[in-house]
Structures are given as C-alpha cells and as structure tokens.
C-alpha cells in the first residue's frame, strides 16, 4: 500500500476515525491490526517474518532479566504460530509460491526444505533454548540471549536478502581459481522493509543488553513498536527507548500537532508525486539505456537522481512523521537538509539519520569507535560504511558506494586530525560556506552514480564519460515533467530559507497570505504530479 494511493487515503481515514473514538488501550490494538493490514496488503504471507522478529526479541529481552513467565511464553507462541499458518498457506503447494518468484521452478532448490523445517521447528527450539539459557549465570545468560537475537535477525536478512548474492560471489571466486561449480540459488522475493524492521527489533535487544532500556512485558505494545505502519517499510529506524514509551502512555492530540502533521503529509506528497515521480522517467532513461549516452546525459541523469532519491525518501519520511503526528506520536527526524553538508561527516549527520546513528551506536562504537590510533579509527569507519552499503542491497555497486563513502570519511578524519583538535574560530563567510557546500555536493553526486548504476561495468563506462567524454554535450534523455521543473526550484527556495534561518518551522514566520500561497502552490503542483506515472518508493527495495 503506497502512501500516494487512494487505498491509503481510505485506510488512513478509517484508522484515524477509529483512533479518535477508541480508548487508549484499544487504540494500540487497533493500530497493531492496522499495521498488519498495511503490511499484508503487499503479501500477507510475509507477516510471518514480522511475527518472527517480534517474538524472538520479545523473548530475548525478558530472558536477559529472567522475567519470562508462563503468560509471556504462551501469548507470543500463539502469535508466531498464526504467522506461520499465514506463511505456509492453507493448501499444498502454497509454500513455494510464497517465496519463489517462479511458482513452478524447474529444479526444486535443496535449501528450501531446510527453510520450512526451520520455520516449523521454531517453537520447539525456543522451548529447549530457554531451558538451557535460563539456568546460566546472569552475565552468560545475557550474552547468550543477545547472541540469539543477532543470529536470528541477521539470518532472516541473510536468507531473504543476501543468499543469492553470496552464493554467486562464492561460485565466481571458485571459477577464478579454475574450479567449476554451479550456484545453489533460490529466486527469493525480497520482503518489503525487512532491513528496517529487523534493525529496529535488533536495537531493542542490544539496548537491553547494554542496560540502556528495560524490557517490556506487554507483548502487543512491543509488536506495535516493531510493526508500526507509518515507518515500518522505509523508516525511520526507531529506537525502543524513544518509540515504545509513546505506545505505553495515553496520547494527547492537539490542534497544533495535527496542523504540523497535515503540513508534513502535504510536503511529503509534493516531494514524492510532483518531483520524484516527475524526474524518474528521465533517470531511468539514462541508467537503463542500452544505447549510446553522452557525458551530458550521465551528469544530468546523476543530478536528477540526486533529486529523485532525496525527494522520494525524505518525502516518505515526511508523510510517515505527519501521519504519526495526527495520532499524537512523534517519530525522529530522518533528514536535515543533507545537500547543505560541507563535509562527509556532516552529510551523514543529515542524511538517513536513523540509519547513520544506528550504524554508529551499534556497529562503529562496538568496533572501537574513535578509541585508538588514526589507522584504527579509519578501519572502523571503512568497515561501518562497507556494511552500511551492503545493507542497502545485495549488489556490488552498493558495496562500492559504501567503500566510497568510507574513503571520504577516512580522508576527512585524517585531514581534520592533521589540523589539530583545537577549535578554529572563523568569521562567517557566506561565499566560503557556499563553496564548501558546492564542492562536497560534487562528491555526493558521484556517490549517487555508484548507487544508481545497474552494474560495475556501467560505473566504469559512466565514469569514463564524465572525465573523457566532453566531445559531445548533447542531451538525449527526456526533459522531466512540468511538475518537477516547477517543484525543484520551489523546494530549493524552501530549504534555503530553512537553512538560512536555522529553523525547521520557518514557514510559521510567514504572513498568513504568504503561507496560504505556499500551501496552495504545493497542493497545485502535487495535483499536477498525479499525471506522472506513479513509482514505488525507492527504499521499499531495501
């Protein structure tokens, strides 16, 4: 179910109406049901995966403090069993169709029976696991519980997202050594949002292990935390210590909060429908071309993709945050004017903030963070960004993109260390600041070329065109749609005002007629953008 669809508008209207009339506890149950309907709209069989993530980390959290009672065992067991029934289907032959893109594969893949056997054995294994772990000393029990969460969640990602990638890479390595082998592949349908909700659930277990958060014994509140529909499939990746308390206390709905929510929804739809969908055909024409492209095509297509991915992803986040504000729930800020960054470090403090802080807190700091020598710190940065790139998808261009940003961060760290740690007091210089922003934006653009490229060969070809292909500056791709041509300058002006005033709510300073004109223009361009061919949100594939 897409945010920019009629189905979601009807869905939201029903959810909001019920939310306003129900008491607090029933609100939570209704939101949980609505969240599963929202996710199941794509494919109801994969509700099992969210049930699996939810159940495992709920048990893990309580096991760490040895608080897993009979009720806490039975309720999640029933929950995950229902999810397994949905996943397996109600008739023979439904299982392969649930996972395989081809419902009638020519060869029965040998790993599939083991996957199904694992699903059916979850409850039995969980009972044996708890009996063993619960009798361990506290320190060992907590470590064993955390290890269980990490293994289960990463195994979920490994099977559904990375199995084919690693199998093909392994076989390619054998071929390079002269050993002939055929990869064992499963044509997996990637579940929407699996990288988001597994990371979110995993952070809950890690925070409990670090004694930064107390586990909840209210299973359905935790289930709502994992599957909360506005941010479930494309973030932001919330932390339990921020979002879970929002579900454990009555919400107070105010007129101001609702007005901000509606503004965010309007802004998000404008970014997605008017701009992102308006430039998507031009971007696809450049990067999907099998013919001759010019350097102007590559530069223009990469610039438009930078606009597309920002408006697409930040637009989703704006809508998610806006819907949540209508429900009296605050989600974290995920984008903070990233294209105004002056350095790679600042960029990652502004772009996809929920992921960058997740990687920093749970991976970078675990590796050692800033402790140790400069080479040790650069190693930690590189490992973090390589895995951050791989998080985005099972393809080498994402790994290369992570390596590229890891290199930028490492070079920046070396440069700043050479200048010393003493703060340098500089006079504000508008031209110098603009030059720094423009200079780093060029590095950001090349990173987006790596990210969007369809193959490593395309990366090589497009890079060669950028530096050696200025013999022809003809533009061969279609001009973006009118809604995008009008919307991009408007968005640039709005974000410049926010950056210059250093005020996220800068629009409240406008006189009422000007604010009304701004809203009317956003709505007009969004309605104009409805004629664009709708595209799925880019980050749904991650």
Protein backbone atom coordinates (compact mmCIF):
# COMPACT_ATOMS: atom_id res chain seq x y z
CA UNK A 1 0.00 0.00 0.00
CA UNK A 2 1.61 3.23 -1.17
CA UNK A 3 1.24 6.50 0.72
CA UNK A 4 0.39 8.22 -2.57
CA UNK A 5 -2.56 5.95 -3.36
CA UNK A 6 -6.31 6.13 -2.96
CA UNK A 7 -6.22 2.90 -0.94
CA UNK A 8 -4.01 4.50 1.68
CA UNK A 9 -6.22 7.60 1.85
CA UNK A 10 -9.24 5.43 2.63
CA UNK A 11 -7.17 3.29 5.02
CA UNK A 12 -5.90 6.36 6.91
CA UNK A 13 -9.38 7.86 7.15
CA UNK A 14 -10.73 4.66 8.74
CA UNK A 15 -7.75 4.32 11.10
CA UNK A 16 -7.93 7.96 12.20
CA UNK A 17 -11.69 7.82 12.78
CA UNK A 18 -11.40 4.69 14.92
CA UNK A 19 -8.41 6.17 16.73
CA UNK A 20 -10.39 9.23 17.80
CA UNK A 21 -13.27 7.24 19.28
CA UNK A 22 -11.41 4.37 20.97
CA UNK A 23 -9.91 4.46 24.48
CA UNK A 24 -6.13 4.27 24.94
CA UNK A 25 -5.59 0.50 25.14
CA UNK A 26 -7.98 -0.25 22.29
CA UNK A 27 -6.14 2.37 20.23
CA UNK A 28 -2.99 0.28 20.48
CA UNK A 29 -4.73 -2.95 19.49
CA UNK A 30 -6.39 -1.18 16.56
CA UNK A 31 -3.05 0.30 15.43
CA UNK A 32 -1.45 -3.16 15.58
CA UNK A 33 -4.20 -4.69 13.45
CA UNK A 34 -4.00 -1.73 11.05
CA UNK A 35 -0.23 -2.13 10.80
CA UNK A 36 -0.56 -5.78 9.81
CA UNK A 37 -3.25 -4.93 7.27
CA UNK A 38 -0.97 -2.22 5.85
CA UNK A 39 1.98 -4.61 5.54
CA UNK A 40 -0.12 -7.57 4.48
CA UNK A 41 -1.58 -5.52 1.63
CA UNK A 42 1.68 -6.27 -0.21
CA UNK A 43 1.78 -10.01 0.61
CA UNK A 44 0.01 -11.33 3.70
CA UNK A 45 2.19 -14.46 3.84
CA UNK A 46 5.24 -12.43 4.86
CA UNK A 47 3.53 -11.28 8.03
CA UNK A 48 5.24 -14.34 9.47
CA UNK A 49 8.60 -12.61 9.20
CA UNK A 50 7.48 -9.65 11.30
CA UNK A 51 5.90 -12.07 13.79
CA UNK A 52 9.20 -13.96 13.92
CA UNK A 53 11.28 -10.81 14.56
CA UNK A 54 8.79 -9.63 17.17
CA UNK A 55 8.56 -12.90 19.08
CA UNK A 56 12.29 -13.62 19.16
CA UNK A 57 13.32 -10.24 20.55
CA UNK A 58 10.40 -10.08 22.99
CA UNK A 59 11.56 -13.40 24.46
CA UNK A 60 15.21 -12.33 24.32
CA UNK A 61 14.54 -9.09 26.21
CA UNK A 62 12.70 -10.79 29.06
CA UNK A 63 15.18 -13.69 29.18
CA UNK A 64 18.03 -11.26 29.82
CA UNK A 65 16.34 -10.30 33.08
CA UNK A 66 14.94 -13.76 33.74
CA UNK A 67 11.36 -12.44 33.63
CA UNK A 68 9.87 -14.81 31.07
CA UNK A 69 6.74 -16.18 32.75
CA UNK A 70 4.05 -18.54 31.50
CA UNK A 71 1.90 -15.78 30.00
CA UNK A 72 4.92 -14.25 28.29
CA UNK A 73 5.69 -17.65 26.72
CA UNK A 74 2.20 -18.67 25.58
CA UNK A 75 0.96 -15.43 24.00
CA UNK A 76 3.91 -14.94 21.61
CA UNK A 77 3.86 -18.68 20.80
CA UNK A 78 0.24 -18.40 19.63
CA UNK A 79 1.14 -15.23 17.75
CA UNK A 80 4.03 -16.75 15.81
CA UNK A 81 2.04 -19.91 15.11
CA UNK A 82 -0.66 -17.83 13.44
CA UNK A 83 2.04 -16.11 11.42
CA UNK A 84 3.44 -19.48 10.34
CA UNK A 85 -0.02 -20.61 9.22
CA UNK A 86 -0.33 -17.50 7.07
CA UNK A 87 3.14 -18.03 5.65
CA UNK A 88 2.65 -21.73 4.83
CA UNK A 89 -0.76 -21.13 3.32
CA UNK A 90 -3.90 -23.19 3.62
CA UNK A 91 -3.25 -25.66 0.80
CA UNK A 92 -0.39 -27.83 -0.50
CA UNK A 93 1.96 -26.04 -2.85
CA UNK A 94 1.43 -22.62 -1.30
CA UNK A 95 4.85 -22.62 0.33
CA UNK A 96 6.96 -22.44 -2.86
CA UNK A 97 4.63 -19.80 -4.27
CA UNK A 98 5.14 -17.70 -1.13
CA UNK A 99 8.89 -17.49 -1.61
CA UNK A 100 9.68 -18.25 -5.21
CA UNK A 101 9.21 -15.73 -7.96
CA UNK A 102 8.58 -18.68 -10.32
CA UNK A 103 5.76 -20.77 -8.81
CA UNK A 104 6.80 -23.76 -10.93
CA UNK A 105 10.63 -23.91 -10.67
CA UNK A 106 12.36 -26.35 -12.99
CA UNK A 107 14.55 -27.59 -10.15
CA UNK A 108 13.49 -27.98 -6.54
CA UNK A 109 16.06 -25.94 -4.66
CA UNK A 110 17.73 -28.08 -1.98
CA UNK A 111 17.82 -25.34 0.66
CA UNK A 112 14.04 -24.83 0.67
CA UNK A 113 13.08 -27.89 2.78
CA UNK A 114 15.52 -26.78 5.43
CA UNK A 115 13.94 -23.32 5.49
CA UNK A 116 10.49 -24.80 6.04
CA UNK A 117 11.79 -27.27 8.59
CA UNK A 118 13.32 -24.35 10.49
CA UNK A 119 10.03 -22.45 10.47
CA UNK A 120 8.06 -25.40 11.81
CA UNK A 121 10.71 -26.09 14.46
CA UNK A 122 10.89 -22.56 15.89
CA UNK A 123 8.65 -23.19 18.88
CA UNK A 124 10.29 -26.47 19.86
CA UNK A 125 13.76 -24.97 19.59
CA UNK A 126 12.66 -21.91 21.56
CA UNK A 127 11.49 -24.10 24.44
CA UNK A 128 14.75 -26.04 24.58
CA UNK A 129 16.76 -22.84 24.20
CA UNK A 130 15.02 -21.17 27.14
CA UNK A 131 15.53 -24.15 29.43
CA UNK A 132 19.25 -24.10 28.69
CA UNK A 133 19.79 -20.34 28.83
CA UNK A 134 17.66 -19.60 31.90
CA UNK A 135 19.94 -21.70 34.13
CA UNK A 136 23.12 -19.86 33.12
CA UNK A 137 24.72 -17.20 35.35
CA UNK A 138 23.40 -13.71 34.62
CA UNK A 139 26.36 -12.49 32.58
CA UNK A 140 26.39 -15.59 30.36
CA UNK A 141 22.59 -15.61 30.11
CA UNK A 142 22.53 -12.04 28.83
CA UNK A 143 25.26 -12.75 26.29
CA UNK A 144 23.55 -15.92 25.07
CA UNK A 145 20.23 -14.08 24.70
CA UNK A 146 21.83 -11.23 22.75
CA UNK A 147 23.68 -13.68 20.51
CA UNK A 148 20.37 -15.41 19.80
CA UNK A 149 18.80 -12.13 18.70
CA UNK A 150 21.74 -11.22 16.46
CA UNK A 151 21.88 -14.66 14.83
CA UNK A 152 18.12 -14.88 14.24
CA UNK A 153 17.70 -11.37 12.84
CA UNK A 154 20.78 -11.48 10.63
CA UNK A 155 19.86 -14.99 9.44
CA UNK A 156 16.49 -13.60 8.40
CA UNK A 157 18.24 -10.94 6.34
CA UNK A 158 20.80 -13.42 5.08
CA UNK A 159 18.27 -15.86 3.62
CA UNK A 160 15.82 -13.39 2.13
CA UNK A 161 18.21 -10.68 1.01
CA UNK A 162 21.78 -11.92 0.62
CA UNK A 163 21.75 -15.69 -0.02
CA UNK A 164 21.92 -15.46 -3.82
CA UNK A 165 24.48 -12.66 -3.71
CA UNK A 166 26.93 -14.61 -1.56
CA UNK A 167 26.29 -17.86 -3.42
CA UNK A 168 27.04 -16.25 -6.79
CA UNK A 169 30.11 -14.46 -5.38
CA UNK A 170 31.46 -17.73 -3.93
CA UNK A 171 31.00 -19.57 -7.21
CA UNK A 172 32.61 -16.70 -9.15
CA UNK A 173 35.61 -16.96 -6.81
CA UNK A 174 35.85 -20.71 -7.49
CA UNK A 175 35.69 -20.06 -11.23
CA UNK A 176 38.59 -17.65 -10.83
CA UNK A 177 40.58 -20.48 -9.26
CA UNK A 178 39.69 -22.81 -12.12
CA UNK A 179 37.10 -24.80 -10.16
CA UNK A 180 33.79 -25.29 -11.97
CA UNK A 181 30.66 -25.19 -9.83
CA UNK A 182 27.03 -24.23 -10.16
CA UNK A 183 25.49 -21.95 -7.51
CA UNK A 184 22.56 -23.12 -5.42
CA UNK A 185 20.08 -20.29 -5.82
CA UNK A 186 16.60 -19.52 -4.61
CA UNK A 187 14.61 -16.92 -6.51
CA UNK A 188 13.67 -15.03 -3.37
CA UNK A 189 11.04 -12.32 -3.30
CA UNK A 190 12.57 -9.64 -1.08
CA UNK A 191 10.06 -8.79 1.68
CA UNK A 192 9.33 -5.07 1.79
CA UNK A 193 11.03 -3.23 4.65
CA UNK A 194 12.82 -6.28 6.07
CA UNK A 195 16.06 -4.33 6.62
CA UNK A 196 14.18 -1.68 8.57
CA UNK A 197 12.13 -3.74 11.00
CA UNK A 198 14.90 -6.29 11.68
CA UNK A 199 17.31 -3.48 12.60
CA UNK A 200 14.67 -1.81 14.73
CA UNK A 201 13.89 -5.02 16.60
CA UNK A 202 17.59 -5.84 16.99
CA UNK A 203 18.32 -2.45 18.56
CA UNK A 204 15.78 -3.26 21.30
CA UNK A 205 17.77 -6.36 22.33
CA UNK A 206 21.10 -4.53 22.21
CA UNK A 207 19.80 -1.64 24.33
CA UNK A 208 18.54 -4.08 26.97
CA UNK A 209 21.87 -5.90 26.98
CA UNK A 210 23.66 -2.57 27.50
CA UNK A 211 21.20 -1.76 30.33
CA UNK A 212 20.02 1.34 28.48
CA UNK A 213 16.41 0.18 28.43
CA UNK A 214 14.12 -2.05 30.48
CA UNK A 215 12.28 -4.81 28.57
CA UNK A 216 8.52 -4.58 28.35
CA UNK A 217 6.25 -7.45 29.38
CA UNK A 218 3.38 -6.10 27.25
CA UNK A 219 3.74 -8.21 24.11
CA UNK A 220 1.28 -6.32 21.93
CA UNK A 221 2.92 -2.98 22.72
CA UNK A 222 6.23 -4.43 21.59
CA UNK A 223 4.60 -5.92 18.48
CA UNK A 224 3.26 -2.46 17.65
CA UNK A 225 6.76 -1.00 18.11
CA UNK A 226 8.16 -3.43 15.52
CA UNK A 227 5.32 -3.14 13.01
CA UNK A 228 4.02 0.44 13.43
CA UNK A 229 2.70 1.10 9.93
CA UNK A 230 3.83 4.69 9.14
CA UNK A 231 7.54 3.81 9.47
CA UNK A 232 7.58 0.04 9.12
CA UNK A 233 8.63 -0.40 5.49
CA UNK A 234 11.01 2.55 4.93
CA UNK A 235 11.86 4.01 8.31
CA UNK A 236 12.93 5.97 10.15
CA UNK A 237 14.54 3.15 12.14
CA UNK A 238 13.29 3.99 15.61
CA UNK A 239 14.79 3.06 18.96
CA UNK A 240 12.71 1.34 21.61
CA UNK A 241 13.69 3.87 24.26
CA UNK A 242 12.09 6.59 22.13
CA UNK A 243 9.12 4.99 20.39
CA UNK A 244 7.97 2.25 22.79
CA UNK A 245 7.11 4.71 25.61
CA UNK A 246 4.87 6.51 23.10
CA UNK A 247 2.72 3.37 22.96
CA UNK A 248 2.69 2.83 26.71
CA UNK A 249 1.02 6.08 27.72
CA UNK A 250 -2.15 7.86 26.57
CA UNK A 251 -1.58 10.29 23.70
CA UNK A 252 -2.82 13.86 23.78
CA UNK A 253 -3.95 15.21 20.40
CA UNK A 254 -3.57 18.95 19.95
CA UNK A 255 -4.59 21.26 17.12
CA UNK A 256 -1.01 22.46 16.65
CA UNK A 257 0.33 18.92 16.38
CA UNK A 258 -2.37 17.97 13.88
CA UNK A 259 -1.64 21.07 11.79
CA UNK A 260 2.07 20.17 11.66
CA UNK A 261 1.13 16.63 10.71
CA UNK A 262 -1.02 17.77 7.81
CA UNK A 263 1.73 20.12 6.62
CA UNK A 264 4.29 17.27 6.68
CA UNK A 265 1.92 14.99 4.75
CA UNK A 266 1.37 17.73 2.16
CA UNK A 267 5.12 18.38 1.88
CA UNK A 268 5.92 14.68 1.58
CA UNK A 269 3.35 14.12 -1.16
CA UNK A 270 4.69 17.16 -3.02
CA UNK A 271 8.24 15.78 -2.90
CA UNK A 272 7.17 12.30 -3.99
CA UNK A 273 4.38 12.90 -6.51
CA UNK A 274 5.41 16.21 -8.06
CA UNK A 275 9.22 15.91 -8.03
CA UNK A 276 10.47 12.32 -7.51
CA UNK A 277 7.93 10.74 -9.87
CA UNK A 278 8.40 13.67 -12.26
CA UNK A 279 12.13 13.05 -12.75
CA UNK A 280 12.02 9.23 -12.53
CA UNK A 281 11.47 8.63 -16.30
CA UNK A 282 14.50 10.78 -17.17
CA UNK A 283 16.71 8.98 -14.64
CA UNK A 284 15.54 5.56 -15.82
CA UNK A 285 16.20 6.52 -19.42
CA UNK A 286 19.85 7.34 -18.65
CA UNK A 287 20.70 4.45 -16.33
CA UNK A 288 18.54 1.93 -18.19
CA UNK A 289 19.88 2.84 -21.60
CA UNK A 290 21.43 0.09 -23.70
CA UNK A 291 22.48 2.55 -26.40
CA UNK A 292 24.87 5.47 -26.60
CA UNK A 293 24.78 8.09 -23.87
CA UNK A 294 26.80 11.28 -23.66
CA UNK A 295 28.64 12.84 -20.77
CA UNK A 296 25.83 15.38 -20.53
CA UNK A 297 23.36 12.51 -20.15
CA UNK A 298 25.41 10.98 -17.34
CA UNK A 299 25.87 14.26 -15.48
CA UNK A 300 22.24 15.30 -15.96
CA UNK A 301 20.89 11.86 -15.08
CA UNK A 302 23.03 11.68 -11.93
CA UNK A 303 21.95 15.15 -10.84
CA UNK A 304 18.31 14.25 -11.38
CA UNK A 305 18.77 11.01 -9.45
CA UNK A 306 20.17 13.01 -6.53
CA UNK A 307 16.93 14.98 -6.61
CA UNK A 308 14.82 11.86 -7.05
CA UNK A 309 16.25 9.79 -4.21
CA UNK A 310 16.17 12.71 -1.79
CA UNK A 311 12.59 13.71 -2.60
CA UNK A 312 11.43 10.09 -2.73
CA UNK A 313 12.97 9.02 0.59
CA UNK A 314 12.58 12.24 2.57
CA UNK A 315 9.05 12.53 1.15
CA UNK A 316 8.21 9.11 2.59
CA UNK A 317 9.66 10.14 5.95
CA UNK A 318 7.69 13.40 5.94
CA UNK A 319 4.44 11.52 5.31
CA UNK A 320 5.29 8.94 7.99
CA UNK A 321 6.05 11.66 10.53
CA UNK A 322 2.95 13.60 9.52
CA UNK A 323 0.62 10.61 9.90
CA UNK A 324 2.18 9.87 13.30
CA UNK A 325 1.65 13.45 14.45
CA UNK A 326 -2.04 13.08 13.59
CA UNK A 327 -2.03 10.12 16.01
CA UNK A 328 -0.16 12.07 18.71
CA UNK A 329 3.07 10.10 18.18
CA UNK A 330 6.43 11.69 17.35
CA UNK A 331 8.88 9.96 15.03
CA UNK A 332 12.51 11.01 14.84
CA UNK A 333 13.81 13.39 12.19
CA UNK A 334 15.45 11.37 9.39
CA UNK A 335 16.64 14.14 7.04
CA UNK A 336 18.04 17.53 7.90
CA UNK A 337 18.95 19.37 4.67
CA UNK A 338 21.63 16.84 3.60
CA UNK A 339 22.65 18.69 0.43
CA UNK A 340 23.80 21.63 2.55
CA UNK A 341 26.53 19.48 4.10
CA UNK A 342 30.10 20.78 3.86
CA UNK A 343 31.89 17.52 4.70
CA UNK A 344 31.25 13.76 4.62
CA UNK A 345 30.87 13.69 8.39
CA UNK A 346 28.22 16.41 8.26
CA UNK A 347 26.45 14.66 5.37
CA UNK A 348 25.91 11.54 7.44
CA UNK A 349 24.59 13.66 10.29
CA UNK A 350 21.96 14.98 7.89
CA UNK A 351 21.17 12.04 5.55
CA UNK A 352 19.18 8.99 6.69
CA UNK A 353 19.90 9.97 10.29
CA UNK A 354 18.19 6.93 11.78
CA UNK A 355 20.46 4.53 9.85
CA UNK A 356 23.68 6.51 10.33
CA UNK A 357 23.11 6.78 14.09
CA UNK A 358 22.16 3.08 14.23
CA UNK A 359 25.41 2.12 12.50
CA UNK A 360 27.35 4.49 14.74
CA UNK A 361 25.83 3.23 18.00
CA UNK A 362 25.65 -0.48 17.32
CA UNK A 363 28.47 -1.15 14.84
CA UNK A 364 31.06 1.64 14.80
CA UNK A 365 31.28 2.00 18.58
CA UNK A 366 31.26 -1.78 19.02
CA UNK A 367 34.29 -2.00 16.71
CA UNK A 368 36.09 0.55 18.88
CA UNK A 369 34.81 3.85 17.51
CA UNK A 370 37.20 6.74 17.98
CA UNK A 371 39.31 4.89 20.51
CA UNK A 372 42.82 4.02 19.37
CA UNK A 373 45.10 5.38 16.68
CA UNK A 374 44.12 7.10 13.45
CA UNK A 375 44.56 3.94 11.35
CA UNK A 376 42.31 2.03 13.78
CA UNK A 377 39.61 4.71 13.54
CA UNK A 378 39.77 4.74 9.74
CA UNK A 379 39.45 0.96 9.73
CA UNK A 380 36.30 1.22 11.85
CA UNK A 381 34.87 3.86 9.53
CA UNK A 382 35.55 1.72 6.48
CA UNK A 383 34.02 -1.44 7.94
CA UNK A 384 30.95 0.50 9.07
CA UNK A 385 30.37 2.10 5.68
CA UNK A 386 31.01 -1.11 3.75
CA UNK A 387 28.36 -2.88 5.81
CA UNK A 388 26.13 0.21 5.52
CA UNK A 389 26.44 -0.03 1.75
CA UNK A 390 25.66 -3.75 1.80
CA UNK A 391 22.62 -3.02 3.99
CA UNK A 392 21.13 -1.18 1.01
CA UNK A 393 21.18 -4.21 -1.24
CA UNK A 394 22.85 -7.39 -2.39
CA UNK A 395 24.88 -5.91 -5.24
CA UNK A 396 28.48 -4.86 -5.73
CA UNK A 397 27.62 -1.27 -6.62
CA UNK A 398 26.20 -0.81 -3.09
CA UNK A 399 29.40 -2.22 -1.62
CA UNK A 400 31.38 0.16 -3.84
CA UNK A 401 29.17 3.05 -2.71
CA UNK A 402 29.86 2.13 0.92
CA UNK A 403 33.60 1.91 0.21
CA UNK A 404 33.48 5.32 -1.48
CA UNK A 405 31.81 7.00 1.49
CA UNK A 406 34.08 5.14 3.90
CA UNK A 407 37.05 6.56 1.97
CA UNK A 408 35.62 10.08 2.12
CA UNK A 409 35.08 9.80 5.87
CA UNK A 410 38.58 8.39 6.40
CA UNK A 411 40.25 11.11 4.32
CA UNK A 412 38.24 13.75 6.17
CA UNK A 413 39.24 12.23 9.51
CA UNK A 414 42.93 12.27 8.52
CA UNK A 415 42.64 15.86 7.28
CA UNK A 416 40.97 17.13 10.44
CA UNK A 417 43.47 15.28 12.66
CA UNK A 418 46.36 16.96 10.85
CA UNK A 419 44.82 20.35 11.52
CA UNK A 420 44.68 19.58 15.24
CA UNK A 421 41.82 19.24 17.67
CA UNK A 422 41.83 22.87 18.79
CA UNK A 423 38.69 24.70 17.65
CA UNK A 424 39.29 27.24 14.94
CA UNK A 425 37.27 30.43 15.26
CA UNK A 426 36.38 31.74 11.82
CA UNK A 427 34.39 34.73 10.75
CA UNK A 428 31.19 33.79 8.96
CA UNK A 429 31.97 33.82 5.25
CA UNK A 430 28.95 33.24 3.03
CA UNK A 431 30.96 32.69 -0.16
CA UNK A 432 33.35 30.25 1.51
CA UNK A 433 30.45 28.33 3.05
CA UNK A 434 28.67 28.15 -0.32
CA UNK A 435 31.89 26.97 -1.99
CA UNK A 436 32.31 24.18 0.59
CA UNK A 437 28.70 23.08 0.09
CA UNK A 438 29.06 23.07 -3.68
CA UNK A 439 32.42 21.29 -3.59
CA UNK A 440 31.20 18.47 -1.37
CA UNK A 441 27.96 18.18 -3.36
CA UNK A 442 30.08 17.12 -6.35
CA UNK A 443 31.46 14.22 -4.28
CA UNK A 444 27.92 13.35 -3.20
CA UNK A 445 26.79 13.27 -6.82
CA UNK A 446 29.45 10.78 -7.83
CA UNK A 447 28.40 8.62 -4.90
CA UNK A 448 24.84 8.61 -6.29
CA UNK A 449 26.18 7.47 -9.65
CA UNK A 450 27.72 4.46 -7.91
CA UNK A 451 24.49 3.85 -6.02
CA UNK A 452 22.18 4.02 -9.07
CA UNK A 453 24.36 2.17 -11.60
CA UNK A 454 23.00 -1.14 -12.80
CA UNK A 455 26.40 -2.85 -12.94
CA UNK A 456 30.07 -2.31 -12.24
CA UNK A 457 30.64 -2.06 -15.99
CA UNK A 458 28.19 0.82 -16.14
CA UNK A 459 30.12 2.53 -13.32
CA UNK A 460 33.33 2.24 -15.38
CA UNK A 461 31.67 3.44 -18.59
CA UNK A 462 29.88 6.40 -16.98
CA UNK A 463 32.98 7.44 -15.05
CA UNK A 464 34.99 7.40 -18.25
CA UNK A 465 32.36 9.55 -19.95
CA UNK A 466 32.41 12.12 -17.16
CA UNK A 467 36.16 12.69 -17.37
CA UNK A 468 36.88 11.94 -21.03
CA UNK A 469 33.64 12.30 -22.92
CA UNK A 470 33.20 16.02 -23.40
CA UNK A 471 33.37 15.75 -27.19
CA UNK A 472 29.56 15.66 -27.24
CA UNK A 473 27.33 17.58 -24.87
CA UNK A 474 24.04 16.55 -26.48
CA UNK A 475 21.28 15.62 -24.06
CA UNK A 476 19.43 12.51 -25.13
CA UNK A 477 17.09 11.90 -22.19
CA UNK A 478 13.58 13.28 -21.89
CA UNK A 479 13.03 16.54 -20.04
CA UNK A 480 11.49 15.97 -16.58
CA UNK A 481 7.77 16.53 -16.18
CA UNK A 482 6.43 20.04 -15.64
CA UNK A 483 5.51 19.37 -12.01
CA UNK A 484 9.16 18.57 -11.30
CA UNK A 485 10.53 21.51 -13.29
CA UNK A 486 8.36 23.86 -11.24
CA UNK A 487 8.71 21.95 -7.96
CA UNK A 488 12.51 21.68 -7.78
CA UNK A 489 13.16 25.47 -7.64
CA UNK A 490 10.34 25.88 -5.09
CA UNK A 491 11.79 23.16 -2.87
CA UNK A 492 15.26 24.69 -3.19
CA UNK A 493 13.95 28.08 -2.03
CA UNK A 494 12.09 26.49 0.89
CA UNK A 495 15.13 24.53 2.04
CA UNK A 496 17.42 27.53 1.65
CA UNK A 497 15.05 29.52 3.88
CA UNK A 498 15.12 26.73 6.48
CA UNK A 499 18.93 26.53 6.32
CA UNK A 500 19.46 30.28 6.42
CA UNK A 501 17.05 30.82 9.32
CA UNK A 502 18.18 27.62 11.09
CA UNK A 503 14.54 26.94 11.89
CA UNK A 504 12.74 23.73 10.95
CA UNK A 505 9.42 25.54 11.34
CA UNK A 506 10.46 28.59 9.34
CA UNK A 507 7.11 28.65 7.50
CA UNK A 508 5.39 29.76 10.70
CA UNK A 509 7.17 33.11 10.33
CA UNK A 510 5.38 33.78 7.05
CA UNK A 511 2.46 36.15 6.93
CA UNK A 512 -0.81 34.28 6.62
CA UNK A 513 -1.40 35.23 2.94
CA UNK A 514 2.15 34.07 2.02
CA UNK A 515 1.74 30.83 3.96
CA UNK A 516 -1.59 30.23 2.24
CA UNK A 517 0.04 30.87 -1.13
CA UNK A 518 2.82 28.41 -0.33
CA UNK A 519 0.37 25.67 0.67
CA UNK A 520 -1.79 26.32 -2.38
CA UNK A 521 1.24 26.05 -4.66
CA UNK A 522 2.36 22.79 -3.04
CA UNK A 523 -1.12 21.33 -3.45
CA UNK A 524 -1.41 22.55 -7.05
CA UNK A 525 1.93 21.01 -8.07
CA UNK A 526 1.05 17.79 -6.26
CA UNK A 527 -2.24 17.56 -8.17
CA UNK A 528 -0.31 18.30 -11.36
CA UNK A 529 2.06 15.48 -10.46
CA UNK A 530 -0.75 12.94 -10.25
CA UNK A 531 -0.49 12.72 -14.05
CA UNK A 532 3.07 11.39 -13.65
CA UNK A 533 3.50 7.64 -13.78
CA UNK A 534 3.47 6.56 -10.10
CA UNK A 535 6.60 4.75 -8.94
CA UNK A 536 7.17 2.64 -5.85
CA UNK A 537 9.20 4.34 -3.12
CA UNK A 538 12.89 3.62 -3.82
CA UNK A 539 13.69 2.45 -0.29
CA UNK A 540 10.95 -0.20 -0.35
CA UNK A 541 13.53 -2.45 -2.05
CA UNK A 542 15.85 -2.19 0.97
